[in-house]
PDB file of N, CA and C in Angstrom:
ATOM      1  N   UNK A   1       0.848  -1.172   0.000  1.00  0.00           N
ATOM      2  CA  UNK A   1       0.000   0.000   0.000  1.00  0.00           C
ATOM      3  C   UNK A   1       0.894   1.236   0.000  1.00  0.00           C
ATOM      4  N   UNK A   2       1.306   1.728  -1.143  1.00  0.00           N
ATOM      5  CA  UNK A   2       2.168   2.909  -1.177  1.00  0.00           C
ATOM      6  C   UNK A   2       1.388   4.166  -0.801  1.00  0.00           C
ATOM      7  N   UNK A   3       1.929   4.896   0.147  1.00  0.00           N
ATOM      8  CA  UNK A   3       1.293   6.123   0.619  1.00  0.00           C
ATOM      9  C   UNK A   3       2.338   7.228   0.541  1.00  0.00           C
ATOM     10  N   UNK A   4       1.986   8.320  -0.142  1.00  0.00           N
ATOM     11  CA  UNK A   4       2.964   9.379  -0.346  1.00  0.00           C
ATOM     12  C   UNK A   4       3.100  10.315   0.848  1.00  0.00           C
ATOM     13  N   UNK A   5       2.032  10.490   1.616  1.00  0.00           N
ATOM     14  CA  UNK A   5       2.069  11.383   2.763  1.00  0.00           C
ATOM     15  C   UNK A   5       2.859  10.739   3.898  1.00  0.00           C
ATOM     16  N   UNK A   6       3.602  11.555   4.678  1.00  0.00           N
ATOM     17  CA  UNK A   6       4.342  10.978   5.801  1.00  0.00           C
ATOM     18  C   UNK A   6       3.412  10.459   6.907  1.00  0.00           C
ATOM     19  N   UNK A   7       2.177  10.979   6.969  1.00  0.00           N
ATOM     20  CA  UNK A   7       1.204  10.501   7.953  1.00  0.00           C
ATOM     21  C   UNK A   7      -0.021   9.967   7.224  1.00  0.00           C
ATOM     22  N   UNK A   8      -0.643   8.994   7.808  1.00  0.00           N
ATOM     23  CA  UNK A   8      -1.836   8.401   7.222  1.00  0.00           C
ATOM     24  C   UNK A   8      -3.080   9.164   7.635  1.00  0.00           C
ATOM     25  N   UNK A   9      -4.131   9.020   6.824  1.00  0.00           N
ATOM     26  CA  UNK A   9      -5.425   9.489   7.308  1.00  0.00           C
ATOM     27  C   UNK A   9      -6.033   8.352   8.130  1.00  0.00           C
ATOM     28  N   UNK A  10      -7.146   8.593   8.774  1.00  0.00           N
ATOM     29  CA  UNK A  10      -7.727   7.598   9.689  1.00  0.00           C
ATOM     30  C   UNK A  10      -8.167   6.332   8.950  1.00  0.00           C
ATOM     31  N   UNK A  11      -8.679   6.472   7.760  1.00  0.00           N
ATOM     32  CA  UNK A  11      -9.100   5.288   7.019  1.00  0.00           C
ATOM     33  C   UNK A  11      -7.894   4.388   6.729  1.00  0.00           C
ATOM     34  N   UNK A  12      -6.807   4.979   6.295  1.00  0.00           N
ATOM     35  CA  UNK A  12      -5.600   4.197   6.025  1.00  0.00           C
ATOM     36  C   UNK A  12      -5.072   3.581   7.313  1.00  0.00           C
ATOM     37  N   UNK A  13      -5.100   4.348   8.396  1.00  0.00           N
ATOM     38  CA  UNK A  13      -4.587   3.854   9.673  1.00  0.00           C
ATOM     39  C   UNK A  13      -5.389   2.658  10.165  1.00  0.00           C
ATOM     40  N   UNK A  14      -6.710   2.721  10.080  1.00  0.00           N
ATOM     41  CA  UNK A  14      -7.508   1.597  10.565  1.00  0.00           C
ATOM     42  C   UNK A  14      -7.290   0.351   9.709  1.00  0.00           C
ATOM     43  N   UNK A  15      -7.128   0.527   8.422  1.00  0.00           N
ATOM     44  CA  UNK A  15      -6.826  -0.625   7.569  1.00  0.00           C
ATOM     45  C   UNK A  15      -5.487  -1.250   7.953  1.00  0.00           C
ATOM     46  N   UNK A  16      -4.506  -0.408   8.239  1.00  0.00           N
ATOM     47  CA  UNK A  16      -3.189  -0.922   8.635  1.00  0.00           C
ATOM     48  C   UNK A  16      -3.221  -1.578  10.014  1.00  0.00           C
ATOM     49  N   UNK A  17      -4.050  -1.061  10.900  1.00  0.00           N
ATOM     50  CA  UNK A  17      -4.204  -1.669  12.224  1.00  0.00           C
ATOM     51  C   UNK A  17      -4.704  -3.102  12.063  1.00  0.00           C
ATOM     52  N   UNK A  18      -5.672  -3.296  11.184  1.00  0.00           N
ATOM     53  CA  UNK A  18      -6.186  -4.644  10.941  1.00  0.00           C
ATOM     54  C   UNK A  18      -5.148  -5.501  10.227  1.00  0.00           C
ATOM     55  N   UNK A  19      -4.448  -4.920   9.278  1.00  0.00           N
ATOM     56  CA  UNK A  19      -3.452  -5.671   8.513  1.00  0.00           C
ATOM     57  C   UNK A  19      -2.299  -6.151   9.397  1.00  0.00           C
ATOM     58  N   UNK A  20      -1.890  -5.318  10.352  1.00  0.00           N
ATOM     59  CA  UNK A  20      -0.756  -5.710  11.189  1.00  0.00           C
ATOM     60  C   UNK A  20      -1.098  -6.855  12.133  1.00  0.00           C
ATOM     61  N   UNK A  21      -2.379  -7.133  12.307  1.00  0.00           N
ATOM     62  CA  UNK A  21      -2.772  -8.305  13.109  1.00  0.00           C
ATOM     63  C   UNK A  21      -2.453  -9.597  12.373  1.00  0.00           C
ATOM     64  N   UNK A  22      -2.374  -9.528  11.045  1.00  0.00           N
ATOM     65  CA  UNK A  22      -2.155 -10.724  10.236  1.00  0.00           C
ATOM     66  C   UNK A  22      -0.757 -10.832   9.660  1.00  0.00           C
ATOM     67  N   UNK A  23      -0.067  -9.714   9.539  1.00  0.00           N
ATOM     68  CA  UNK A  23       1.259  -9.737   8.921  1.00  0.00           C
ATOM     69  C   UNK A  23       2.099  -8.577   9.444  1.00  0.00           C
ATOM     70  N   UNK A  24       3.398  -8.728   9.341  1.00  0.00           N
ATOM     71  CA  UNK A  24       4.312  -7.666   9.767  1.00  0.00           C
ATOM     72  C   UNK A  24       4.297  -6.546   8.732  1.00  0.00           C
ATOM     73  N   UNK A  25       4.204  -5.327   9.218  1.00  0.00           N
ATOM     74  CA  UNK A  25       4.245  -4.172   8.329  1.00  0.00           C
ATOM     75  C   UNK A  25       5.701  -3.766   8.099  1.00  0.00           C
ATOM     76  N   UNK A  26       5.986  -3.174   6.944  1.00  0.00           N
ATOM     77  CA  UNK A  26       7.341  -2.648   6.724  1.00  0.00           C
ATOM     78  C   UNK A  26       7.679  -1.609   7.805  1.00  0.00           C
ATOM     79  N   UNK A  27       8.951  -1.495   8.126  1.00  0.00           N
ATOM     80  CA  UNK A  27       9.379  -0.596   9.198  1.00  0.00           C
ATOM     81  C   UNK A  27       8.883   0.832   8.984  1.00  0.00           C
ATOM     82  N   UNK A  28       9.019   1.352   7.773  1.00  0.00           N
ATOM     83  CA  UNK A  28       8.570   2.719   7.494  1.00  0.00           C
ATOM     84  C   UNK A  28       7.072   2.873   7.781  1.00  0.00           C
ATOM     85  N   UNK A  29       6.294   1.883   7.384  1.00  0.00           N
ATOM     86  CA  UNK A  29       4.850   1.920   7.620  1.00  0.00           C
ATOM     87  C   UNK A  29       4.554   1.844   9.111  1.00  0.00           C
ATOM     88  N   UNK A  30       5.298   1.009   9.845  1.00  0.00           N
ATOM     89  CA  UNK A  30       5.121   0.920  11.293  1.00  0.00           C
ATOM     90  C   UNK A  30       5.358   2.270  11.964  1.00  0.00           C
ATOM     91  N   UNK A  31       6.407   2.952  11.541  1.00  0.00           N
ATOM     92  CA  UNK A  31       6.736   4.256  12.127  1.00  0.00           C
ATOM     93  C   UNK A  31       5.647   5.277  11.803  1.00  0.00           C
ATOM     94  N   UNK A  32       5.184   5.276  10.555  1.00  0.00           N
ATOM     95  CA  UNK A  32       4.128   6.213  10.168  1.00  0.00           C
ATOM     96  C   UNK A  32       2.838   5.930  10.936  1.00  0.00           C
ATOM     97  N   UNK A  33       2.509   4.652  11.097  1.00  0.00           N
ATOM     98  CA  UNK A  33       1.310   4.301  11.863  1.00  0.00           C
ATOM     99  C   UNK A  33       1.485   4.699  13.319  1.00  0.00           C
ATOM    100  N   UNK A  34       2.643   4.440  13.870  1.00  0.00           N
ATOM    101  CA  UNK A  34       2.924   4.846  15.256  1.00  0.00           C
ATOM    102  C   UNK A  34       2.709   6.346  15.422  1.00  0.00           C
ATOM    103  N   UNK A  35       3.224   7.141  14.482  1.00  0.00           N
ATOM    104  CA  UNK A  35       3.073   8.599  14.556  1.00  0.00           C
ATOM    105  C   UNK A  35       1.602   8.989  14.481  1.00  0.00           C
ATOM    106  N   UNK A  36       0.864   8.349  13.587  1.00  0.00           N
ATOM    107  CA  UNK A  36      -0.565   8.664  13.476  1.00  0.00           C
ATOM    108  C   UNK A  36      -1.279   8.337  14.789  1.00  0.00           C
ATOM    109  N   UNK A  37      -0.957   7.189  15.364  1.00  0.00           N
ATOM    110  CA  UNK A  37      -1.617   6.786  16.602  1.00  0.00           C
ATOM    111  C   UNK A  37      -1.276   7.707  17.769  1.00  0.00           C
ATOM    112  N   UNK A  38      -0.088   8.295  17.760  1.00  0.00           N
ATOM    113  CA  UNK A  38       0.265   9.252  18.816  1.00  0.00           C
ATOM    114  C   UNK A  38      -0.578  10.527  18.699  1.00  0.00           C
ATOM    115  N   UNK A  39      -0.965  10.873  17.473  1.00  0.00           N
ATOM    116  CA  UNK A  39      -1.695  12.123  17.238  1.00  0.00           C
ATOM    117  C   UNK A  39      -3.212  11.957  17.222  1.00  0.00           C
ATOM    118  N   UNK A  40      -3.695  10.740  17.049  1.00  0.00           N
ATOM    119  CA  UNK A  40      -5.127  10.527  16.825  1.00  0.00           C
ATOM    120  C   UNK A  40      -5.734   9.644  17.921  1.00  0.00           C
ATOM    121  N   UNK A  41      -6.464  10.236  18.852  1.00  0.00           N
ATOM    122  CA  UNK A  41      -7.051   9.433  19.935  1.00  0.00           C
ATOM    123  C   UNK A  41      -8.120   8.453  19.430  1.00  0.00           C
ATOM    124  N   UNK A  42      -8.797   8.787  18.363  1.00  0.00           N
ATOM    125  CA  UNK A  42      -9.829   7.886  17.847  1.00  0.00           C
ATOM    126  C   UNK A  42      -9.214   6.619  17.263  1.00  0.00           C
ATOM    127  N   UNK A  43      -8.131   6.757  16.537  1.00  0.00           N
ATOM    128  CA  UNK A  43      -7.458   5.574  15.984  1.00  0.00           C
ATOM    129  C   UNK A  43      -6.777   4.769  17.079  1.00  0.00           C
ATOM    130  N   UNK A  44      -6.277   5.433  18.118  1.00  0.00           N
ATOM    131  CA  UNK A  44      -5.712   4.706  19.263  1.00  0.00           C
ATOM    132  C   UNK A  44      -6.796   3.846  19.903  1.00  0.00           C
ATOM    133  N   UNK A  45      -7.967   4.428  20.086  1.00  0.00           N
ATOM    134  CA  UNK A  45      -9.086   3.685  20.667  1.00  0.00           C
ATOM    135  C   UNK A  45      -9.455   2.513  19.755  1.00  0.00           C
ATOM    136  N   UNK A  46      -9.488   2.775  18.445  1.00  0.00           N
ATOM    137  CA  UNK A  46      -9.799   1.712  17.485  1.00  0.00           C
ATOM    138  C   UNK A  46      -8.791   0.564  17.609  1.00  0.00           C
ATOM    139  N   UNK A  47      -7.521   0.902  17.733  1.00  0.00           N
ATOM    140  CA  UNK A  47      -6.477  -0.124  17.837  1.00  0.00           C
ATOM    141  C   UNK A  47      -6.681  -0.988  19.085  1.00  0.00           C
ATOM    142  N   UNK A  48      -6.993  -0.362  20.200  1.00  0.00           N
ATOM    143  CA  UNK A  48      -7.219  -1.100  21.454  1.00  0.00           C
ATOM    144  C   UNK A  48      -8.453  -1.987  21.307  1.00  0.00           C
ATOM    145  N   UNK A  49      -9.525  -1.428  20.745  1.00  0.00           N
ATOM    146  CA  UNK A  49     -10.755  -2.200  20.584  1.00  0.00           C
ATOM    147  C   UNK A  49     -10.559  -3.362  19.609  1.00  0.00           C
ATOM    148  N   UNK A  50      -9.767  -3.139  18.585  1.00  0.00           N
ATOM    149  CA  UNK A  50      -9.508  -4.183  17.595  1.00  0.00           C
ATOM    150  C   UNK A  50      -8.816  -5.376  18.249  1.00  0.00           C
ATOM    151  N   UNK A  51      -7.841  -5.123  19.094  1.00  0.00           N
ATOM    152  CA  UNK A  51      -7.145  -6.199  19.804  1.00  0.00           C
ATOM    153  C   UNK A  51      -8.115  -6.906  20.749  1.00  0.00           C
ATOM    154  N   UNK A  52      -8.932  -6.144  21.453  1.00  0.00           N
ATOM    155  CA  UNK A  52      -9.898  -6.720  22.385  1.00  0.00           C
ATOM    156  C   UNK A  52     -10.884  -7.632  21.644  1.00  0.00           C
ATOM    157  N   UNK A  53     -11.423  -7.158  20.530  1.00  0.00           N
ATOM    158  CA  UNK A  53     -12.385  -7.951  19.756  1.00  0.00           C
ATOM    159  C   UNK A  53     -11.730  -9.223  19.225  1.00  0.00           C
ATOM    160  N   UNK A  54     -10.513  -9.113  18.738  1.00  0.00           N
ATOM    161  CA  UNK A  54      -9.815 -10.296  18.224  1.00  0.00           C
ATOM    162  C   UNK A  54      -9.618 -11.330  19.326  1.00  0.00           C
ATOM    163  N   UNK A  55      -9.253 -10.885  20.519  1.00  0.00           N
ATOM    164  CA  UNK A  55      -9.061 -11.815  21.646  1.00  0.00           C
ATOM    165  C   UNK A  55     -10.379 -12.470  22.047  1.00  0.00           C
ATOM    166  N   UNK A  56     -11.441 -11.676  22.097  1.00  0.00           N
ATOM    167  CA  UNK A  56     -12.750 -12.221  22.466  1.00  0.00           C
ATOM    168  C   UNK A  56     -13.248 -13.212  21.418  1.00  0.00           C
ATOM    169  N   UNK A  57     -13.031 -12.903  20.154  1.00  0.00           N
ATOM    170  CA  UNK A  57     -13.448 -13.806  19.080  1.00  0.00           C
ATOM    171  C   UNK A  57     -12.684 -15.122  19.179  1.00  0.00           C
ATOM    172  N   UNK A  58     -11.395 -15.050  19.451  1.00  0.00           N
ATOM    173  CA  UNK A  58     -10.599 -16.277  19.591  1.00  0.00           C
ATOM    174  C   UNK A  58     -11.072 -17.086  20.789  1.00  0.00           C
ATOM    175  N   UNK A  59     -11.380 -16.410  21.879  1.00  0.00           N
ATOM    176  CA  UNK A  59     -11.879 -17.118  23.059  1.00  0.00           C
ATOM    177  C   UNK A  59     -13.208 -17.803  22.754  1.00  0.00           C
ATOM    178  N   UNK A  60     -14.062 -17.152  21.968  1.00  0.00           N
ATOM    179  CA  UNK A  60     -15.346 -17.753  21.596  1.00  0.00           C
ATOM    180  C   UNK A  60     -15.142 -18.978  20.719  1.00  0.00           C
ATOM    181  N   UNK A  61     -14.174 -18.907  19.814  1.00  0.00           N
ATOM    182  CA  UNK A  61     -13.881 -20.051  18.946  1.00  0.00           C
ATOM    183  C   UNK A  61     -13.376 -21.225  19.787  1.00  0.00           C
ATOM    184  N   UNK A  62     -12.564 -20.935  20.770  1.00  0.00           N
ATOM    185  CA  UNK A  62     -11.964 -21.979  21.599  1.00  0.00           C
ATOM    186  C   UNK A  62     -12.920 -22.563  22.644  1.00  0.00           C
ATOM    187  N   UNK A  63     -14.020 -21.846  22.923  1.00  0.00           N
ATOM    188  CA  UNK A  63     -14.950 -22.280  23.971  1.00  0.00           C
ATOM    189  C   UNK A  63     -15.761 -23.485  23.511  1.00  0.00           C
ATOM    190  N   UNK A  64     -15.870 -24.446  24.364  1.00  0.00           N
ATOM    191  CA  UNK A  64     -16.670 -25.638  24.079  1.00  0.00           C
ATOM    192  C   UNK A  64     -17.785 -25.733  25.122  1.00  0.00           C
ATOM    193  N   UNK A  65     -19.017 -25.858  24.659  1.00  0.00           N
ATOM    194  CA  UNK A  65     -20.156 -26.006  25.555  1.00  0.00           C
ATOM    195  C   UNK A  65     -20.169 -27.449  26.050  1.00  0.00           C
ATOM    196  N   UNK A  66     -20.278 -27.631  27.346  1.00  0.00           N
ATOM    197  CA  UNK A  66     -20.328 -29.003  27.877  1.00  0.00           C
ATOM    198  C   UNK A  66     -21.509 -29.776  27.279  1.00  0.00           C
ATOM    199  N   UNK A  67     -21.308 -31.043  27.032  1.00  0.00           N
ATOM    200  CA  UNK A  67     -22.325 -31.873  26.381  1.00  0.00           C
ATOM    201  C   UNK A  67     -23.584 -32.041  27.231  1.00  0.00           C
ATOM    202  N   UNK A  68     -23.455 -31.892  28.543  1.00  0.00           N
ATOM    203  CA  UNK A  68     -24.617 -32.111  29.415  1.00  0.00           C
ATOM    204  C   UNK A  68     -25.456 -30.852  29.650  1.00  0.00           C
ATOM    205  N   UNK A  69     -25.150 -29.753  28.980  1.00  0.00           N
ATOM    206  CA  UNK A  69     -25.925 -28.532  29.142  1.00  0.00           C
ATOM    207  C   UNK A  69     -27.254 -28.689  28.403  1.00  0.00           C
ATOM    208  N   UNK A  70     -28.341 -28.400  29.111  1.00  0.00           N
ATOM    209  CA  UNK A  70     -29.668 -28.526  28.531  1.00  0.00           C
ATOM    210  C   UNK A  70     -30.306 -27.142  28.481  1.00  0.00           C
ATOM    211  N   UNK A  71     -30.810 -26.784  27.321  1.00  0.00           N
ATOM    212  CA  UNK A  71     -31.486 -25.508  27.143  1.00  0.00           C
ATOM    213  C   UNK A  71     -32.893 -25.622  27.721  1.00  0.00           C
ATOM    214  N   UNK A  72     -33.308 -24.678  28.573  1.00  0.00           N
ATOM    215  CA  UNK A  72     -34.664 -24.748  29.142  1.00  0.00           C
ATOM    216  C   UNK A  72     -35.726 -24.745  28.038  1.00  0.00           C
ATOM    217  N   UNK A  73     -36.834 -25.393  28.319  1.00  0.00           N
ATOM    218  CA  UNK A  73     -37.916 -25.530  27.332  1.00  0.00           C
ATOM    219  C   UNK A  73     -38.413 -24.171  26.863  1.00  0.00           C
ATOM    220  N   UNK A  74     -38.532 -23.206  27.775  1.00  0.00           N
ATOM    221  CA  UNK A  74     -39.017 -21.868  27.386  1.00  0.00           C
ATOM    222  C   UNK A  74     -38.051 -21.210  26.402  1.00  0.00           C
ATOM    223  N   UNK A  75     -36.765 -21.385  26.607  1.00  0.00           N
ATOM    224  CA  UNK A  75     -35.768 -20.810  25.692  1.00  0.00           C
ATOM    225  C   UNK A  75     -35.833 -21.500  24.338  1.00  0.00           C
ATOM    226  N   UNK A  76     -35.982 -22.831  24.341  1.00  0.00           N
ATOM    227  CA  UNK A  76     -36.108 -23.554  23.063  1.00  0.00           C
ATOM    228  C   UNK A  76     -37.333 -23.072  22.295  1.00  0.00           C
ATOM    229  N   UNK A  77     -38.428 -22.850  23.016  1.00  0.00           N
ATOM    230  CA  UNK A  77     -39.666 -22.393  22.379  1.00  0.00           C
ATOM    231  C   UNK A  77     -39.486 -20.993  21.778  1.00  0.00           C
ATOM    232  N   UNK A  78     -38.844 -20.078  22.506  1.00  0.00           N
ATOM    233  CA  UNK A  78     -38.601 -18.719  21.986  1.00  0.00           C
ATOM    234  C   UNK A  78     -37.733 -18.770  20.735  1.00  0.00           C
ATOM    235  N   UNK A  79     -36.710 -19.587  20.751  1.00  0.00           N
ATOM    236  CA  UNK A  79     -35.826 -19.701  19.589  1.00  0.00           C
ATOM    237  C   UNK A  79     -36.590 -20.273  18.399  1.00  0.00           C
ATOM    238  N   UNK A  80     -37.393 -21.316  18.650  1.00  0.00           N
ATOM    239  CA  UNK A  80     -38.155 -21.919  17.553  1.00  0.00           C
ATOM    240  C   UNK A  80     -39.152 -20.920  16.970  1.00  0.00           C
ATOM    241  N   UNK A  81     -39.802 -20.127  17.821  1.00  0.00           N
ATOM    242  CA  UNK A  81     -40.747 -19.116  17.336  1.00  0.00           C
ATOM    243  C   UNK A  81     -40.025 -18.071  16.483  1.00  0.00           C
ATOM    244  N   UNK A  82     -38.843 -17.658  16.922  1.00  0.00           N
ATOM    245  CA  UNK A  82     -38.077 -16.677  16.157  1.00  0.00           C
ATOM    246  C   UNK A  82     -37.664 -17.256  14.808  1.00  0.00           C
ATOM    247  N   UNK A  83     -37.250 -18.522  14.779  1.00  0.00           N
ATOM    248  CA  UNK A  83     -36.879 -19.164  13.522  1.00  0.00           C
ATOM    249  C   UNK A  83     -38.083 -19.291  12.593  1.00  0.00           C
ATOM    250  N   UNK A  84     -39.219 -19.706  13.159  1.00  0.00           N
ATOM    251  CA  UNK A  84     -40.434 -19.838  12.360  1.00  0.00           C
ATOM    252  C   UNK A  84     -40.868 -18.498  11.778  1.00  0.00           C
ATOM    253  N   UNK A  85     -40.801 -17.467  12.597  1.00  0.00           N
ATOM    254  CA  UNK A  85     -41.199 -16.133  12.149  1.00  0.00           C
ATOM    255  C   UNK A  85     -40.261 -15.648  11.043  1.00  0.00           C
ATOM    256  N   UNK A  86     -38.972 -15.891  11.213  1.00  0.00           N
ATOM    257  CA  UNK A  86     -37.993 -15.460  10.215  1.00  0.00           C
ATOM    258  C   UNK A  86     -38.189 -16.195   8.895  1.00  0.00           C
ATOM    259  N   UNK A  87     -38.459 -17.496   8.949  1.00  0.00           N
ATOM    260  CA  UNK A  87     -38.621 -18.261   7.717  1.00  0.00           C
ATOM    261  C   UNK A  87     -39.925 -17.907   7.005  1.00  0.00           C
ATOM    262  N   UNK A  88     -40.914 -17.375   7.737  1.00  0.00           N
ATOM    263  CA  UNK A  88     -42.183 -16.977   7.128  1.00  0.00           C
ATOM    264  C   UNK A  88     -42.069 -15.647   6.392  1.00  0.00           C
ATOM    265  N   UNK A  89     -41.050 -14.884   6.671  1.00  0.00           N
ATOM    266  CA  UNK A  89     -40.895 -13.556   6.048  1.00  0.00           C
ATOM    267  C   UNK A  89     -40.412 -13.643   4.640  1.00  0.00           C
TER     268      UNK A  89
END
């Protein structure tokens, strides 16, 4: 992603925040992103939230529901009604 400006705009920064979760960014890009994050509280917040969401998503993937858990009849009925209503639409 070639960027001519020494600092990124917020859209570029958020894309790079997501990209760096999957791959190492070039050093120059890391420095530019670091500078943007020092100046932009909204992108800093986005970066923190992005890490939090990724960790929570991984924890959800890793979670296994015990086989002996039984859903109460009232909950099963509410879910079935919602499914029936959705399929009728």
